[in-house]
Amino acid sequence: MFATLLACPAVAQQDGCTVSTANVHEHIGATVVFCGTPSTLHAPRPGKVKGDPVYLNFGGEYPHHTFSVLIWGDVVGKQREKLVKRYSGKALRIHGWVKTYKEKPIIYPKSLKDIEVE
């Protein structure tokens, strides 16, 4: 029973948000659980942009956003339109490694399982 009590807080912390739009820039190079609602979501027509990405921008509209999540077409698959509806205006929990692109923090999810609607 004692071991079970000790394990519970670690699991709860692991499932919780570790960064937000306000502090994600402090975690470059770390694996995090980011929580936030996208300011904008952009899914260019397939074939229009190399890699067929879907962009989720947080903390303002592009190019004035503070953080992005870029989901490549091979991760999105045939769920492109569903993702736009599923993620627009929703609070999201995103698991991933924070990198930088043009001096802004960005996460490239490896799987759609890395993004949860809260």
N, C-alpha and C. Protein backbone atom coordinates (compact mmCIF):
# COMPACT_ATOMS: atom_id res chain seq x y z
N MET A 1 0.82 -1.20 0.00
CA MET A 1 0.00 0.00 0.00
C MET A 1 0.86 1.26 0.00
N PHE A 2 1.93 1.25 0.77
CA PHE A 2 2.83 2.39 0.83
C PHE A 2 3.43 2.70 -0.54
N ALA A 3 3.85 1.68 -1.26
CA ALA A 3 4.43 1.87 -2.59
C ALA A 3 3.40 2.45 -3.56
N THR A 4 2.15 2.04 -3.42
CA THR A 4 1.09 2.55 -4.28
C THR A 4 0.87 4.04 -4.03
N LEU A 5 0.89 4.47 -2.80
CA LEU A 5 0.71 5.88 -2.47
C LEU A 5 1.84 6.73 -3.03
N LEU A 6 3.04 6.22 -2.99
CA LEU A 6 4.17 6.96 -3.53
C LEU A 6 4.12 7.06 -5.05
N ALA A 7 3.60 6.05 -5.71
CA ALA A 7 3.57 6.02 -7.17
C ALA A 7 2.51 6.96 -7.74
N CYS A 8 1.43 7.17 -7.05
CA CYS A 8 0.33 7.98 -7.58
C CYS A 8 0.71 9.41 -7.91
N PRO A 9 1.41 10.16 -7.03
CA PRO A 9 1.76 11.53 -7.39
C PRO A 9 2.64 11.60 -8.64
N ALA A 10 3.53 10.67 -8.84
CA ALA A 10 4.40 10.68 -10.02
C ALA A 10 3.58 10.50 -11.29
N VAL A 11 2.59 9.63 -11.26
CA VAL A 11 1.75 9.40 -12.42
C VAL A 11 0.91 10.64 -12.70
N ALA A 12 0.35 11.24 -11.67
CA ALA A 12 -0.48 12.42 -11.85
C ALA A 12 0.34 13.56 -12.44
N GLN A 13 1.57 13.75 -11.96
CA GLN A 13 2.41 14.82 -12.47
C GLN A 13 2.79 14.54 -13.92
N GLN A 14 3.05 13.29 -14.25
CA GLN A 14 3.43 12.92 -15.60
C GLN A 14 2.29 13.19 -16.58
N ASP A 15 1.05 12.99 -16.17
CA ASP A 15 -0.09 13.21 -17.04
C ASP A 15 -0.47 14.69 -17.14
N GLY A 16 0.02 15.52 -16.21
CA GLY A 16 -0.34 16.93 -16.19
C GLY A 16 0.49 17.76 -17.15
N CYS A 17 0.08 19.00 -17.30
CA CYS A 17 0.78 19.93 -18.18
C CYS A 17 2.08 20.37 -17.53
N THR A 18 3.15 20.37 -18.30
CA THR A 18 4.43 20.82 -17.76
C THR A 18 4.82 22.20 -18.28
N VAL A 19 4.24 22.61 -19.42
CA VAL A 19 4.51 23.95 -19.95
C VAL A 19 3.26 24.54 -20.58
N SER A 20 3.28 25.87 -20.73
CA SER A 20 2.19 26.59 -21.38
C SER A 20 2.80 27.55 -22.39
N THR A 21 1.97 28.31 -23.06
CA THR A 21 2.45 29.28 -24.04
C THR A 21 3.41 30.27 -23.38
N ALA A 22 3.15 30.61 -22.13
CA ALA A 22 3.95 31.60 -21.43
C ALA A 22 5.39 31.14 -21.15
N ASN A 23 5.59 29.83 -20.97
CA ASN A 23 6.94 29.39 -20.59
C ASN A 23 7.55 28.32 -21.48
N VAL A 24 6.92 27.97 -22.59
CA VAL A 24 7.45 26.91 -23.44
C VAL A 24 8.84 27.26 -23.97
N HIS A 25 9.13 28.54 -24.18
CA HIS A 25 10.44 28.96 -24.68
C HIS A 25 11.58 28.63 -23.71
N GLU A 26 11.25 28.38 -22.45
CA GLU A 26 12.25 28.03 -21.44
C GLU A 26 12.61 26.54 -21.49
N HIS A 27 11.94 25.77 -22.34
CA HIS A 27 12.11 24.32 -22.36
C HIS A 27 12.61 23.78 -23.70
N ILE A 28 13.35 24.60 -24.44
CA ILE A 28 13.93 24.16 -25.71
C ILE A 28 14.84 22.97 -25.43
N GLY A 29 14.67 21.89 -26.19
CA GLY A 29 15.50 20.70 -26.03
C GLY A 29 14.95 19.70 -25.04
N ALA A 30 13.81 20.00 -24.44
CA ALA A 30 13.21 19.11 -23.45
C ALA A 30 11.94 18.47 -24.02
N THR A 31 11.61 17.30 -23.50
CA THR A 31 10.34 16.66 -23.81
C THR A 31 9.33 17.17 -22.79
N VAL A 32 8.19 17.65 -23.26
CA VAL A 32 7.22 18.31 -22.40
C VAL A 32 5.80 17.82 -22.67
N VAL A 33 4.91 18.25 -21.81
CA VAL A 33 3.47 18.13 -22.05
C VAL A 33 2.97 19.58 -22.08
N PHE A 34 2.70 20.06 -23.27
CA PHE A 34 2.23 21.42 -23.48
C PHE A 34 0.71 21.44 -23.45
N CYS A 35 0.13 22.44 -22.78
CA CYS A 35 -1.32 22.58 -22.78
C CYS A 35 -1.69 23.99 -23.21
N GLY A 36 -2.65 24.09 -24.13
CA GLY A 36 -3.10 25.38 -24.61
C GLY A 36 -4.13 25.23 -25.71
N THR A 37 -4.73 26.35 -26.07
CA THR A 37 -5.73 26.40 -27.13
C THR A 37 -5.13 27.15 -28.31
N PRO A 38 -5.15 26.56 -29.51
CA PRO A 38 -4.55 27.24 -30.65
C PRO A 38 -5.24 28.56 -30.97
N SER A 39 -4.44 29.58 -31.26
CA SER A 39 -4.98 30.86 -31.73
C SER A 39 -5.46 30.71 -33.16
N THR A 40 -4.69 29.97 -33.95
CA THR A 40 -5.06 29.70 -35.33
C THR A 40 -4.65 28.28 -35.70
N LEU A 41 -5.37 27.76 -36.65
CA LEU A 41 -5.07 26.43 -37.19
C LEU A 41 -5.15 26.55 -38.69
N HIS A 42 -4.08 26.13 -39.37
CA HIS A 42 -4.02 26.30 -40.83
C HIS A 42 -3.64 24.98 -41.48
N ALA A 43 -4.46 24.52 -42.41
CA ALA A 43 -4.20 23.27 -43.13
C ALA A 43 -4.25 23.57 -44.63
N PRO A 44 -3.10 23.93 -45.21
CA PRO A 44 -3.08 24.19 -46.66
C PRO A 44 -3.56 22.97 -47.45
N ARG A 45 -4.13 23.22 -48.61
CA ARG A 45 -4.56 22.13 -49.49
C ARG A 45 -3.42 21.14 -49.69
N PRO A 46 -3.70 19.85 -49.67
CA PRO A 46 -2.65 18.86 -49.92
C PRO A 46 -1.93 19.16 -51.24
N GLY A 47 -0.60 19.10 -51.21
CA GLY A 47 0.20 19.36 -52.39
C GLY A 47 0.60 20.82 -52.55
N LYS A 48 -0.03 21.73 -51.81
CA LYS A 48 0.29 23.15 -51.93
C LYS A 48 1.61 23.49 -51.21
N VAL A 49 1.85 22.85 -50.07
CA VAL A 49 3.07 23.06 -49.29
C VAL A 49 3.78 21.72 -49.16
N LYS A 50 5.08 21.70 -49.41
CA LYS A 50 5.86 20.46 -49.32
C LYS A 50 5.68 19.83 -47.94
N GLY A 51 5.37 18.55 -47.91
CA GLY A 51 5.19 17.81 -46.66
C GLY A 51 3.76 17.82 -46.15
N ASP A 52 2.87 18.58 -46.82
CA ASP A 52 1.45 18.66 -46.45
C ASP A 52 1.21 18.89 -44.95
N PRO A 53 1.80 19.94 -44.37
CA PRO A 53 1.66 20.15 -42.94
C PRO A 53 0.31 20.74 -42.52
N VAL A 54 0.03 20.59 -41.23
CA VAL A 54 -1.06 21.29 -40.56
C VAL A 54 -0.39 22.09 -39.45
N TYR A 55 -0.67 23.39 -39.42
CA TYR A 55 -0.05 24.29 -38.45
C TYR A 55 -1.03 24.65 -37.35
N LEU A 56 -0.59 24.54 -36.11
CA LEU A 56 -1.35 25.01 -34.96
C LEU A 56 -0.48 26.09 -34.33
N ASN A 57 -0.97 27.32 -34.30
CA ASN A 57 -0.23 28.44 -33.72
C ASN A 57 -0.87 28.85 -32.41
N PHE A 58 -0.04 29.13 -31.43
CA PHE A 58 -0.48 29.50 -30.09
C PHE A 58 0.10 30.87 -29.73
N GLY A 59 -0.62 31.61 -28.91
CA GLY A 59 -0.11 32.90 -28.44
C GLY A 59 -0.16 33.98 -29.51
N GLY A 60 -1.11 33.92 -30.40
CA GLY A 60 -1.27 34.93 -31.44
C GLY A 60 -1.32 34.30 -32.81
N GLU A 61 -1.68 35.12 -33.78
CA GLU A 61 -1.78 34.65 -35.16
C GLU A 61 -0.44 34.77 -35.86
N TYR A 62 -0.20 33.86 -36.81
CA TYR A 62 1.02 33.89 -37.60
C TYR A 62 1.12 35.22 -38.33
N PRO A 63 2.21 35.88 -38.36
CA PRO A 63 3.55 35.51 -37.88
C PRO A 63 3.86 36.04 -36.48
N HIS A 64 2.85 36.49 -35.76
CA HIS A 64 3.07 37.09 -34.44
C HIS A 64 2.81 36.11 -33.29
N HIS A 65 2.71 34.83 -33.60
CA HIS A 65 2.50 33.80 -32.59
C HIS A 65 3.76 33.61 -31.75
N THR A 66 3.61 32.93 -30.61
CA THR A 66 4.77 32.68 -29.76
C THR A 66 5.24 31.23 -29.81
N PHE A 67 4.39 30.33 -30.30
CA PHE A 67 4.69 28.90 -30.28
C PHE A 67 3.87 28.19 -31.35
N SER A 68 4.45 27.15 -31.95
CA SER A 68 3.73 26.38 -32.99
C SER A 68 3.83 24.89 -32.76
N VAL A 69 2.85 24.20 -33.29
CA VAL A 69 2.89 22.75 -33.43
C VAL A 69 2.69 22.50 -34.91
N LEU A 70 3.59 21.73 -35.51
CA LEU A 70 3.50 21.44 -36.94
C LEU A 70 3.34 19.94 -37.08
N ILE A 71 2.21 19.54 -37.66
CA ILE A 71 1.93 18.12 -37.86
C ILE A 71 2.15 17.82 -39.34
N TRP A 72 3.16 17.01 -39.65
CA TRP A 72 3.47 16.67 -41.03
C TRP A 72 2.38 15.80 -41.64
N GLY A 73 2.25 15.86 -42.94
CA GLY A 73 1.23 15.11 -43.67
C GLY A 73 1.29 13.62 -43.45
N ASP A 74 2.49 13.05 -43.28
CA ASP A 74 2.57 11.60 -43.05
C ASP A 74 2.01 11.21 -41.69
N VAL A 75 1.96 12.16 -40.75
CA VAL A 75 1.34 11.92 -39.44
C VAL A 75 -0.17 12.15 -39.54
N VAL A 76 -0.56 13.20 -40.26
CA VAL A 76 -1.98 13.55 -40.42
C VAL A 76 -2.73 12.47 -41.19
N GLY A 77 -2.11 11.97 -42.26
CA GLY A 77 -2.77 10.97 -43.09
C GLY A 77 -4.03 11.52 -43.72
N LYS A 78 -5.08 10.74 -43.72
CA LYS A 78 -6.34 11.14 -44.36
C LYS A 78 -7.27 11.86 -43.39
N GLN A 79 -6.76 12.22 -42.20
CA GLN A 79 -7.61 12.85 -41.19
C GLN A 79 -7.52 14.37 -41.20
N ARG A 80 -6.99 14.95 -42.26
CA ARG A 80 -6.75 16.38 -42.35
C ARG A 80 -7.98 17.23 -41.98
N GLU A 81 -9.08 17.01 -42.65
CA GLU A 81 -10.29 17.80 -42.39
C GLU A 81 -10.84 17.54 -40.99
N LYS A 82 -10.78 16.30 -40.53
CA LYS A 82 -11.25 15.97 -39.20
C LYS A 82 -10.42 16.68 -38.13
N LEU A 83 -9.11 16.79 -38.37
CA LEU A 83 -8.24 17.45 -37.39
C LEU A 83 -8.58 18.92 -37.24
N VAL A 84 -8.85 19.58 -38.34
CA VAL A 84 -9.21 21.00 -38.28
C VAL A 84 -10.43 21.18 -37.40
N LYS A 85 -11.44 20.38 -37.61
CA LYS A 85 -12.66 20.47 -36.79
C LYS A 85 -12.40 20.06 -35.35
N ARG A 86 -11.62 18.99 -35.15
CA ARG A 86 -11.38 18.45 -33.82
C ARG A 86 -10.55 19.40 -32.95
N TYR A 87 -9.57 20.09 -33.53
CA TYR A 87 -8.64 20.90 -32.75
C TYR A 87 -8.99 22.38 -32.68
N SER A 88 -9.78 22.91 -33.61
CA SER A 88 -10.10 24.35 -33.62
C SER A 88 -10.86 24.76 -32.37
N GLY A 89 -10.30 25.76 -31.68
CA GLY A 89 -10.95 26.31 -30.49
C GLY A 89 -10.97 25.41 -29.28
N LYS A 90 -10.23 24.32 -29.32
CA LYS A 90 -10.23 23.35 -28.21
C LYS A 90 -8.93 23.45 -27.41
N ALA A 91 -9.04 23.19 -26.11
CA ALA A 91 -7.86 23.08 -25.27
C ALA A 91 -7.18 21.75 -25.60
N LEU A 92 -5.89 21.81 -25.89
CA LEU A 92 -5.14 20.62 -26.30
C LEU A 92 -4.02 20.31 -25.32
N ARG A 93 -3.70 19.05 -25.23
CA ARG A 93 -2.54 18.57 -24.47
C ARG A 93 -1.64 17.88 -25.50
N ILE A 94 -0.42 18.40 -25.64
CA ILE A 94 0.48 17.93 -26.68
C ILE A 94 1.78 17.44 -26.05
N HIS A 95 2.11 16.19 -26.33
CA HIS A 95 3.34 15.58 -25.83
C HIS A 95 4.39 15.71 -26.91
N GLY A 96 5.58 16.19 -26.57
CA GLY A 96 6.61 16.27 -27.59
C GLY A 96 7.87 16.95 -27.13
N TRP A 97 8.81 16.96 -28.05
CA TRP A 97 10.11 17.55 -27.82
C TRP A 97 10.11 18.96 -28.39
N VAL A 98 10.49 19.94 -27.59
CA VAL A 98 10.48 21.34 -28.02
C VAL A 98 11.79 21.64 -28.75
N LYS A 99 11.65 22.11 -29.97
CA LYS A 99 12.78 22.54 -30.79
C LYS A 99 12.55 24.01 -31.12
N THR A 100 13.38 24.56 -31.98
CA THR A 100 13.15 25.92 -32.45
C THR A 100 13.11 25.94 -33.97
N TYR A 101 12.31 26.86 -34.49
CA TYR A 101 12.27 27.13 -35.92
C TYR A 101 12.12 28.63 -36.07
N LYS A 102 13.07 29.25 -36.73
CA LYS A 102 13.10 30.70 -36.88
C LYS A 102 12.96 31.39 -35.52
N GLU A 103 13.73 30.87 -34.55
CA GLU A 103 13.85 31.41 -33.20
C GLU A 103 12.57 31.33 -32.36
N LYS A 104 11.62 30.49 -32.77
CA LYS A 104 10.40 30.29 -31.98
C LYS A 104 10.29 28.82 -31.60
N PRO A 105 9.74 28.53 -30.42
CA PRO A 105 9.57 27.13 -30.04
C PRO A 105 8.55 26.43 -30.93
N ILE A 106 8.82 25.16 -31.19
CA ILE A 106 7.93 24.36 -32.04
C ILE A 106 8.01 22.90 -31.63
N ILE A 107 6.90 22.21 -31.75
CA ILE A 107 6.85 20.76 -31.53
C ILE A 107 6.35 20.12 -32.81
N TYR A 108 7.01 19.03 -33.22
CA TYR A 108 6.58 18.22 -34.36
C TYR A 108 6.10 16.89 -33.81
N PRO A 109 4.80 16.71 -33.58
CA PRO A 109 4.31 15.43 -33.04
C PRO A 109 4.66 14.26 -33.96
N LYS A 110 5.05 13.16 -33.37
CA LYS A 110 5.40 11.96 -34.13
C LYS A 110 4.17 11.13 -34.47
N SER A 111 3.09 11.36 -33.72
CA SER A 111 1.86 10.58 -33.89
C SER A 111 0.68 11.44 -33.45
N LEU A 112 -0.49 11.17 -33.99
CA LEU A 112 -1.69 11.89 -33.54
C LEU A 112 -2.03 11.54 -32.10
N LYS A 113 -1.50 10.45 -31.60
CA LYS A 113 -1.70 10.08 -30.19
C LYS A 113 -1.00 11.06 -29.26
N ASP A 114 -0.06 11.84 -29.80
CA ASP A 114 0.65 12.84 -29.00
C ASP A 114 -0.18 14.09 -28.76
N ILE A 115 -1.35 14.18 -29.38
CA ILE A 115 -2.23 15.35 -29.23
C ILE A 115 -3.58 14.87 -28.70
N GLU A 116 -3.96 15.42 -27.56
CA GLU A 116 -5.24 15.04 -26.94
C GLU A 116 -6.10 16.30 -26.78
N VAL A 117 -7.39 16.16 -27.02
CA VAL A 117 -8.33 17.24 -26.73
C VAL A 117 -8.71 17.08 -25.27
N GLU A 118 -8.54 18.16 -24.50
CA GLU A 118 -8.86 18.09 -23.06
C GLU A 118 -10.34 18.19 -22.82
